[in-house]
Amino acid sequence: MSLFHPVNLVCPHCEAPVTMMAVGSVNADRRPDLREDILEDRFQDTGCGACGEGFRLQPQFNYLDAGRGQWIAAMPASRLRDHLELEDEAKALFDTSYGAQAPAAARDVGNGLAVRLTFGWPAVREKLLIKQLGLDDTIVEMMKLHILRSVESVPIAEGIELRLVEADEEADGYVFAWLETGSELFLEYMTIPAELYRAIQGNPEGWAAIRQRLENGCFVDMQKLYMGEGRRPG
């Protein structure tokens, strides 16, 4: 089931107190409307009753979609540098909920789930979109690495990320955007031919080393590759 609890916040504009219902877990099988809200960038939005300012509560919840084979630990963007510690926490939680330490019925569900850790709304939305499009999220991260090598100028910096935001069926491509993680402000768009996805998919040996690094842990995101040594193989 999807669980919510009240939280007391302060309006970032006028500092008036705001109370809202914060999500602790989302079950998209029972509440597909919540999945749709995430995809439409409106989930956990609220407004200040005093000044009318709208703002969004950062994600901190577990997401389950057994029908699509997804389990995601969605965390605030500010926790990105703690990804190794949070990977361990996410794995431990999954193990007790649907993994090796869970009851047999729950393990049956867990066998069909891909476990992921995300930071910030754009990242969790991207994982849902990738699944909706029938894509491999590791290959999408490889596409981003290719983009970094191929584009003359990229606005890469801490707090700036590259995300898949939609498919362009007319152009047979995928639209990626550079955006600010905190504000979710879009800075720049580019359409990448779907042929790049197919080329990476058709060359598993050439990309095997990168895949191994990306899939070493449940944080499957190219950002992990330039944040220190990372997790040891195996």
C-alpha atoms as a PDB file:
ATOM      1  CA  MET A   1       0.000   0.000   0.000  1.00  0.00           C
ATOM      2  CA  SER A   2       0.989   3.652  -0.352  1.00  0.00           C
ATOM      3  CA  LEU A   3       1.713   5.351   2.969  1.00  0.00           C
ATOM      4  CA  PHE A   4       1.586   9.062   3.804  1.00  0.00           C
ATOM      5  CA  HIS A   5       2.330  10.998   7.000  1.00  0.00           C
ATOM      6  CA  PRO A   6       1.962  14.679   7.974  1.00  0.00           C
ATOM      7  CA  VAL A   7       5.073  16.862   7.988  1.00  0.00           C
ATOM      8  CA  ASN A   8       5.579  20.451   9.076  1.00  0.00           C
ATOM      9  CA  LEU A   9       7.524  22.623   6.648  1.00  0.00           C
ATOM     10  CA  VAL A  10       8.540  26.246   6.269  1.00  0.00           C
ATOM     11  CA  CYS A  11       7.684  28.144   3.080  1.00  0.00           C
ATOM     12  CA  PRO A  12      10.973  28.871   1.264  1.00  0.00           C
ATOM     13  CA  HIS A  13       9.567  32.255   0.160  1.00  0.00           C
ATOM     14  CA  CYS A  14       7.913  33.806   3.244  1.00  0.00           C
ATOM     15  CA  GLU A  15       8.905  31.282   5.949  1.00  0.00           C
ATOM     16  CA  ALA A  16       5.307  30.707   6.993  1.00  0.00           C
ATOM     17  CA  PRO A  17       4.543  27.240   8.438  1.00  0.00           C
ATOM     18  CA  VAL A  18       3.102  24.721   5.961  1.00  0.00           C
ATOM     19  CA  THR A  19       1.727  21.267   6.753  1.00  0.00           C
ATOM     20  CA  MET A  20       1.400  18.631   4.054  1.00  0.00           C
ATOM     21  CA  MET A  21       1.110  14.878   3.697  1.00  0.00           C
ATOM     22  CA  ALA A  22       4.493  13.398   2.769  1.00  0.00           C
ATOM     23  CA  VAL A  23       4.750  10.012   1.098  1.00  0.00           C
ATOM     24  CA  GLY A  24       6.730   7.230   2.738  1.00  0.00           C
ATOM     25  CA  SER A  25       6.043   4.534   0.158  1.00  0.00           C
ATOM     26  CA  VAL A  26       4.287   4.299  -3.197  1.00  0.00           C
ATOM     27  CA  ASN A  27       2.614   1.143  -4.499  1.00  0.00           C
ATOM     28  CA  ALA A  28       2.050   1.920  -8.166  1.00  0.00           C
ATOM     29  CA  ASP A  29       0.156  -1.318  -8.726  1.00  0.00           C
ATOM     30  CA  ARG A  30      -2.602  -0.120  -6.377  1.00  0.00           C
ATOM     31  CA  ARG A  31      -2.171   3.633  -7.000  1.00  0.00           C
ATOM     32  CA  PRO A  32      -1.303   4.128 -10.681  1.00  0.00           C
ATOM     33  CA  ASP A  33      -2.343   7.768 -10.285  1.00  0.00           C
ATOM     34  CA  LEU A  34       0.741   8.371  -8.125  1.00  0.00           C
ATOM     35  CA  ARG A  35       2.987   6.953 -10.834  1.00  0.00           C
ATOM     36  CA  GLU A  36       1.307   9.303 -13.321  1.00  0.00           C
ATOM     37  CA  ASP A  37       1.845  12.248 -10.958  1.00  0.00           C
ATOM     38  CA  ILE A  38       5.581  11.492 -10.832  1.00  0.00           C
ATOM     39  CA  LEU A  39       5.788  11.272 -14.617  1.00  0.00           C
ATOM     40  CA  GLU A  40       3.902  14.579 -14.928  1.00  0.00           C
ATOM     41  CA  ASP A  41       6.216  16.322 -12.414  1.00  0.00           C
ATOM     42  CA  ARG A  42       3.432  17.176  -9.984  1.00  0.00           C
ATOM     43  CA  PHE A  43       3.838  14.611  -7.218  1.00  0.00           C
ATOM     44  CA  GLN A  44       4.394  16.086  -3.709  1.00  0.00           C
ATOM     45  CA  ASP A  45       3.767  19.627  -4.937  1.00  0.00           C
ATOM     46  CA  THR A  46       2.258  21.987  -2.384  1.00  0.00           C
ATOM     47  CA  GLY A  47       1.560  25.678  -1.920  1.00  0.00           C
ATOM     48  CA  CYS A  48       1.894  28.192   0.876  1.00  0.00           C
ATOM     49  CA  GLY A  49      -1.460  29.390   2.204  1.00  0.00           C
ATOM     50  CA  ALA A  50       0.107  32.684   3.306  1.00  0.00           C
ATOM     51  CA  CYS A  51       1.887  33.870   0.153  1.00  0.00           C
ATOM     52  CA  GLY A  52       0.732  31.427  -2.512  1.00  0.00           C
ATOM     53  CA  GLU A  53       4.260  30.271  -3.346  1.00  0.00           C
ATOM     54  CA  GLY A  54       4.397  26.763  -4.782  1.00  0.00           C
ATOM     55  CA  PHE A  55       7.184  24.334  -3.952  1.00  0.00           C
ATOM     56  CA  ARG A  56       7.938  20.643  -3.976  1.00  0.00           C
ATOM     57  CA  LEU A  57       8.948  18.306  -1.186  1.00  0.00           C
ATOM     58  CA  GLN A  58      12.108  16.403  -2.094  1.00  0.00           C
ATOM     59  CA  PRO A  59      11.677  12.635  -2.570  1.00  0.00           C
ATOM     60  CA  GLN A  60      12.323  10.256   0.289  1.00  0.00           C
ATOM     61  CA  PHE A  61      10.241   7.149  -0.242  1.00  0.00           C
ATOM     62  CA  ASN A  62      10.221   3.605  -1.575  1.00  0.00           C
ATOM     63  CA  TYR A  63       8.496   2.921  -4.879  1.00  0.00           C
ATOM     64  CA  LEU A  64       7.068  -0.455  -5.883  1.00  0.00           C
ATOM     65  CA  ASP A  65       5.644  -1.394  -9.260  1.00  0.00           C
ATOM     66  CA  ALA A  66       5.553  -5.182  -9.343  1.00  0.00           C
ATOM     67  CA  GLY A  67       3.740  -5.205 -12.676  1.00  0.00           C
ATOM     68  CA  ARG A  68       6.626  -3.362 -14.327  1.00  0.00           C
ATOM     69  CA  GLY A  69       9.345  -4.985 -12.214  1.00  0.00           C
ATOM     70  CA  GLN A  70      10.555  -1.880 -10.384  1.00  0.00           C
ATOM     71  CA  TRP A  71      11.588  -1.202  -6.798  1.00  0.00           C
ATOM     72  CA  ILE A  72      13.197   2.199  -6.226  1.00  0.00           C
ATOM     73  CA  ALA A  73      14.606   3.881  -3.141  1.00  0.00           C
ATOM     74  CA  ALA A  74      14.045   7.528  -4.054  1.00  0.00           C
ATOM     75  CA  MET A  75      16.180   9.939  -2.032  1.00  0.00           C
ATOM     76  CA  PRO A  76      16.708  13.724  -1.939  1.00  0.00           C
ATOM     77  CA  ALA A  77      19.228  15.125  -4.398  1.00  0.00           C
ATOM     78  CA  SER A  78      21.234  16.511  -1.475  1.00  0.00           C
ATOM     79  CA  ARG A  79      22.162  12.938  -0.433  1.00  0.00           C
ATOM     80  CA  LEU A  80      23.932  12.126  -3.722  1.00  0.00           C
ATOM     81  CA  ARG A  81      27.420  12.018  -2.225  1.00  0.00           C
ATOM     82  CA  ASP A  82      26.205   9.445   0.305  1.00  0.00           C
ATOM     83  CA  HIS A  83      25.303   7.023  -2.484  1.00  0.00           C
ATOM     84  CA  LEU A  84      27.515   4.163  -1.282  1.00  0.00           C
ATOM     85  CA  GLU A  85      26.052   4.237   2.218  1.00  0.00           C
ATOM     86  CA  LEU A  86      22.512   4.591   0.863  1.00  0.00           C
ATOM     87  CA  GLU A  87      23.049   1.708  -1.549  1.00  0.00           C
ATOM     88  CA  ASP A  88      23.781  -0.502   1.446  1.00  0.00           C
ATOM     89  CA  GLU A  89      20.695   0.780   3.265  1.00  0.00           C
ATOM     90  CA  ALA A  90      18.491   0.269   0.216  1.00  0.00           C
ATOM     91  CA  LYS A  91      19.765  -3.280  -0.282  1.00  0.00           C
ATOM     92  CA  ALA A  92      19.162  -4.111   3.384  1.00  0.00           C
ATOM     93  CA  LEU A  93      15.628  -2.748   3.215  1.00  0.00           C
ATOM     94  CA  PHE A  94      14.871  -4.626   0.004  1.00  0.00           C
ATOM     95  CA  ASP A  95      16.274  -7.851   1.446  1.00  0.00           C
ATOM     96  CA  THR A  96      13.924  -7.691   4.435  1.00  0.00           C
ATOM     97  CA  SER A  97      10.945  -6.621   2.300  1.00  0.00           C
ATOM     98  CA  TYR A  98      11.281  -8.721  -0.862  1.00  0.00           C
ATOM     99  CA  GLY A  99      14.702 -10.360  -0.813  1.00  0.00           C
ATOM    100  CA  ALA A 100      16.515 -13.129   1.005  1.00  0.00           C
ATOM    101  CA  GLN A 101      15.203 -12.208   4.460  1.00  0.00           C
ATOM    102  CA  ALA A 102      11.577 -11.734   3.417  1.00  0.00           C
ATOM    103  CA  PRO A 103       8.711 -14.252   3.669  1.00  0.00           C
ATOM    104  CA  ALA A 104       8.361 -16.667   0.750  1.00  0.00           C
ATOM    105  CA  ALA A 105       5.387 -14.869  -0.812  1.00  0.00           C
ATOM    106  CA  ALA A 106       7.280 -11.571  -0.766  1.00  0.00           C
ATOM    107  CA  ARG A 107      10.390 -13.223  -2.230  1.00  0.00           C
ATOM    108  CA  ASP A 108       8.294 -14.436  -5.152  1.00  0.00           C
ATOM    109  CA  VAL A 109       7.440 -10.796  -5.883  1.00  0.00           C
ATOM    110  CA  GLY A 110      11.023  -9.687  -5.326  1.00  0.00           C
ATOM    111  CA  ASN A 111      12.409 -12.144  -7.873  1.00  0.00           C
ATOM    112  CA  GLY A 112      10.872 -10.046 -10.625  1.00  0.00           C
ATOM    113  CA  LEU A 113      12.057  -6.647  -9.363  1.00  0.00           C
ATOM    114  CA  ALA A 114      15.011  -4.533 -10.477  1.00  0.00           C
ATOM    115  CA  VAL A 115      16.359  -2.626  -7.461  1.00  0.00           C
ATOM    116  CA  ARG A 116      17.405   0.981  -7.995  1.00  0.00           C
ATOM    117  CA  LEU A 117      18.494   4.007  -5.962  1.00  0.00           C
ATOM    118  CA  THR A 118      17.810   7.524  -7.256  1.00  0.00           C
ATOM    119  CA  PHE A 119      18.487  11.086  -6.100  1.00  0.00           C
ATOM    120  CA  GLY A 120      16.066  13.923  -6.828  1.00  0.00           C
ATOM    121  CA  TRP A 121      12.815  14.049  -8.793  1.00  0.00           C
ATOM    122  CA  PRO A 122      14.317  14.138 -12.318  1.00  0.00           C
ATOM    123  CA  ALA A 123      16.168  10.876 -11.613  1.00  0.00           C
ATOM    124  CA  VAL A 124      13.204   8.907 -10.266  1.00  0.00           C
ATOM    125  CA  ARG A 125      10.989  10.226 -13.072  1.00  0.00           C
ATOM    126  CA  GLU A 126      13.608   9.102 -15.591  1.00  0.00           C
ATOM    127  CA  LYS A 127      13.612   5.537 -14.238  1.00  0.00           C
ATOM    128  CA  LEU A 128       9.821   5.362 -14.626  1.00  0.00           C
ATOM    129  CA  LEU A 129       9.999   6.795 -18.142  1.00  0.00           C
ATOM    130  CA  ILE A 130      12.738   4.367 -19.198  1.00  0.00           C
ATOM    131  CA  LYS A 131      10.612   1.447 -18.069  1.00  0.00           C
ATOM    132  CA  GLN A 132       7.575   2.877 -19.851  1.00  0.00           C
ATOM    133  CA  LEU A 133       9.575   3.130 -23.091  1.00  0.00           C
ATOM    134  CA  GLY A 134      10.836  -0.446 -22.738  1.00  0.00           C
ATOM    135  CA  LEU A 135      14.484   0.609 -22.506  1.00  0.00           C
ATOM    136  CA  ASP A 136      17.460  -0.679 -20.524  1.00  0.00           C
ATOM    137  CA  ASP A 137      18.445   1.997 -18.004  1.00  0.00           C
ATOM    138  CA  THR A 138      22.115   0.964 -18.114  1.00  0.00           C
ATOM    139  CA  ILE A 139      22.204   1.536 -21.873  1.00  0.00           C
ATOM    140  CA  VAL A 140      20.592   4.957 -21.347  1.00  0.00           C
ATOM    141  CA  GLU A 141      23.448   5.832 -18.986  1.00  0.00           C
ATOM    142  CA  MET A 142      25.919   4.633 -21.622  1.00  0.00           C
ATOM    143  CA  MET A 143      24.221   6.946 -24.117  1.00  0.00           C
ATOM    144  CA  LYS A 144      24.871   9.834 -21.744  1.00  0.00           C
ATOM    145  CA  LEU A 145      28.553   8.921 -21.535  1.00  0.00           C
ATOM    146  CA  HIS A 146      28.719   8.913 -25.335  1.00  0.00           C
ATOM    147  CA  ILE A 147      27.032  12.328 -25.400  1.00  0.00           C
ATOM    148  CA  LEU A 148      29.656  13.718 -23.004  1.00  0.00           C
ATOM    149  CA  ARG A 149      32.403  12.539 -25.338  1.00  0.00           C
ATOM    150  CA  SER A 150      30.710  13.738 -28.513  1.00  0.00           C
ATOM    151  CA  VAL A 151      29.296  17.193 -27.740  1.00  0.00           C
ATOM    152  CA  GLU A 152      31.717  20.115 -27.973  1.00  0.00           C
ATOM    153  CA  SER A 153      30.378  22.005 -24.964  1.00  0.00           C
ATOM    154  CA  VAL A 154      28.469  20.518 -22.041  1.00  0.00           C
ATOM    155  CA  PRO A 155      27.214  22.380 -18.937  1.00  0.00           C
ATOM    156  CA  ILE A 156      28.507  19.690 -16.615  1.00  0.00           C
ATOM    157  CA  ALA A 157      28.998  20.710 -12.991  1.00  0.00           C
ATOM    158  CA  GLU A 158      27.861  19.663  -9.543  1.00  0.00           C
ATOM    159  CA  GLY A 159      24.126  20.265  -9.361  1.00  0.00           C
ATOM    160  CA  ILE A 160      23.699  19.898 -13.139  1.00  0.00           C
ATOM    161  CA  GLU A 161      22.574  16.590 -14.598  1.00  0.00           C
ATOM    162  CA  LEU A 162      21.622  15.030 -17.914  1.00  0.00           C
ATOM    163  CA  ARG A 163      18.285  13.206 -18.071  1.00  0.00           C
ATOM    164  CA  LEU A 164      16.177  11.424 -20.649  1.00  0.00           C
ATOM    165  CA  VAL A 165      12.890  13.355 -20.653  1.00  0.00           C
ATOM    166  CA  GLU A 166      10.858  11.952 -23.560  1.00  0.00           C
ATOM    167  CA  ALA A 167      10.857   9.943 -26.764  1.00  0.00           C
ATOM    168  CA  ASP A 168      10.620  11.704 -30.130  1.00  0.00           C
ATOM    169  CA  GLU A 169       8.849   9.167 -32.312  1.00  0.00           C
ATOM    170  CA  GLU A 170       8.758  11.398 -35.402  1.00  0.00           C
ATOM    171  CA  ALA A 171      12.530  11.828 -35.331  1.00  0.00           C
ATOM    172  CA  ASP A 172      13.144   8.243 -34.156  1.00  0.00           C
ATOM    173  CA  GLY A 173      15.096   9.571 -31.237  1.00  0.00           C
ATOM    174  CA  TYR A 174      15.180  10.397 -27.563  1.00  0.00           C
ATOM    175  CA  VAL A 175      15.122  13.852 -26.004  1.00  0.00           C
ATOM    176  CA  PHE A 176      17.704  14.502 -23.296  1.00  0.00           C
ATOM    177  CA  ALA A 177      17.908  17.643 -21.183  1.00  0.00           C
ATOM    178  CA  TRP A 178      20.528  19.329 -19.057  1.00  0.00           C
ATOM    179  CA  LEU A 179      18.865  20.591 -15.898  1.00  0.00           C
ATOM    180  CA  GLU A 180      19.543  21.963 -12.444  1.00  0.00           C
ATOM    181  CA  THR A 181      18.891  19.239  -9.900  1.00  0.00           C
ATOM    182  CA  GLY A 182      17.679  21.471  -7.089  1.00  0.00           C
ATOM    183  CA  SER A 183      15.375  23.802  -9.008  1.00  0.00           C
ATOM    184  CA  GLU A 184      14.531  21.292 -11.777  1.00  0.00           C
ATOM    185  CA  LEU A 185      15.140  24.149 -14.210  1.00  0.00           C
ATOM    186  CA  PHE A 186      15.785  22.912 -17.754  1.00  0.00           C
ATOM    187  CA  LEU A 187      18.876  24.488 -19.320  1.00  0.00           C
ATOM    188  CA  GLU A 188      19.281  22.805 -22.694  1.00  0.00           C
ATOM    189  CA  TYR A 189      17.617  20.094 -24.800  1.00  0.00           C
ATOM    190  CA  MET A 190      19.004  17.756 -27.430  1.00  0.00           C
ATOM    191  CA  THR A 191      17.495  14.961 -29.513  1.00  0.00           C
ATOM    192  CA  ILE A 192      19.702  11.895 -29.843  1.00  0.00           C
ATOM    193  CA  PRO A 193      18.981   9.368 -32.621  1.00  0.00           C
ATOM    194  CA  ALA A 194      17.640   6.033 -31.398  1.00  0.00           C
ATOM    195  CA  GLU A 195      20.341   4.453 -33.540  1.00  0.00           C
ATOM    196  CA  LEU A 196      22.816   5.238 -30.756  1.00  0.00           C
ATOM    197  CA  TYR A 197      20.795   3.132 -28.327  1.00  0.00           C
ATOM    198  CA  ARG A 198      20.645   0.285 -30.833  1.00  0.00           C
ATOM    199  CA  ALA A 199      24.381   0.525 -31.565  1.00  0.00           C
ATOM    200  CA  ILE A 200      25.284   0.235 -27.862  1.00  0.00           C
ATOM    201  CA  GLN A 201      22.764  -2.571 -27.404  1.00  0.00           C
ATOM    202  CA  GLY A 202      24.312  -4.429 -30.333  1.00  0.00           C
ATOM    203  CA  ASN A 203      27.861  -4.143 -28.968  1.00  0.00           C
ATOM    204  CA  PRO A 204      27.691  -5.741 -25.491  1.00  0.00           C
ATOM    205  CA  GLU A 205      31.360  -6.776 -25.485  1.00  0.00           C
ATOM    206  CA  GLY A 206      32.571  -3.267 -26.274  1.00  0.00           C
ATOM    207  CA  TRP A 207      30.570  -1.801 -23.409  1.00  0.00           C
ATOM    208  CA  ALA A 208      30.977  -4.685 -20.944  1.00  0.00           C
ATOM    209  CA  ALA A 209      33.455  -2.911 -18.652  1.00  0.00           C
ATOM    210  CA  ILE A 210      31.260   0.192 -18.380  1.00  0.00           C
ATOM    211  CA  ARG A 211      28.152  -1.907 -17.760  1.00  0.00           C
ATOM    212  CA  GLN A 212      29.933  -3.735 -14.961  1.00  0.00           C
ATOM    213  CA  ARG A 213      30.821  -0.447 -13.259  1.00  0.00           C
ATOM    214  CA  LEU A 214      27.363   1.045 -13.707  1.00  0.00           C
ATOM    215  CA  GLU A 215      25.601  -2.048 -12.377  1.00  0.00           C
ATOM    216  CA  ASN A 216      27.960  -2.511  -9.411  1.00  0.00           C
ATOM    217  CA  GLY A 217      25.304  -1.521  -6.865  1.00  0.00           C
ATOM    218  CA  CYS A 218      21.712  -0.320  -7.220  1.00  0.00           C
ATOM    219  CA  PHE A 219      22.689   3.278  -8.019  1.00  0.00           C
ATOM    220  CA  VAL A 220      22.741   2.881 -11.802  1.00  0.00           C
ATOM    221  CA  ASP A 221      23.706   6.375 -12.907  1.00  0.00           C
ATOM    222  CA  MET A 222      26.692   7.743 -14.796  1.00  0.00           C
ATOM    223  CA  GLN A 223      27.266  10.291 -12.005  1.00  0.00           C
ATOM    224  CA  LYS A 224      28.783   7.538  -9.862  1.00  0.00           C
ATOM    225  CA  LEU A 225      31.680   7.220 -12.326  1.00  0.00           C
ATOM    226  CA  TYR A 226      33.119  10.624 -11.468  1.00  0.00           C
ATOM    227  CA  MET A 227      32.533  10.687  -7.692  1.00  0.00           C
ATOM    228  CA  GLY A 228      35.645   9.037  -6.316  1.00  0.00           C
ATOM    229  CA  GLU A 229      36.768   5.423  -6.511  1.00  0.00           C
ATOM    230  CA  GLY A 230      33.296   4.031  -5.930  1.00  0.00           C
ATOM    231  CA  ARG A 231      32.465   0.518  -4.814  1.00  0.00           C
ATOM    232  CA  ARG A 232      34.985  -2.279  -5.243  1.00  0.00           C
ATOM    233  CA  PRO A 233      34.058  -4.813  -7.942  1.00  0.00           C
ATOM    234  CA  GLY A 234      32.027  -7.697  -6.581  1.00  0.00           C
END
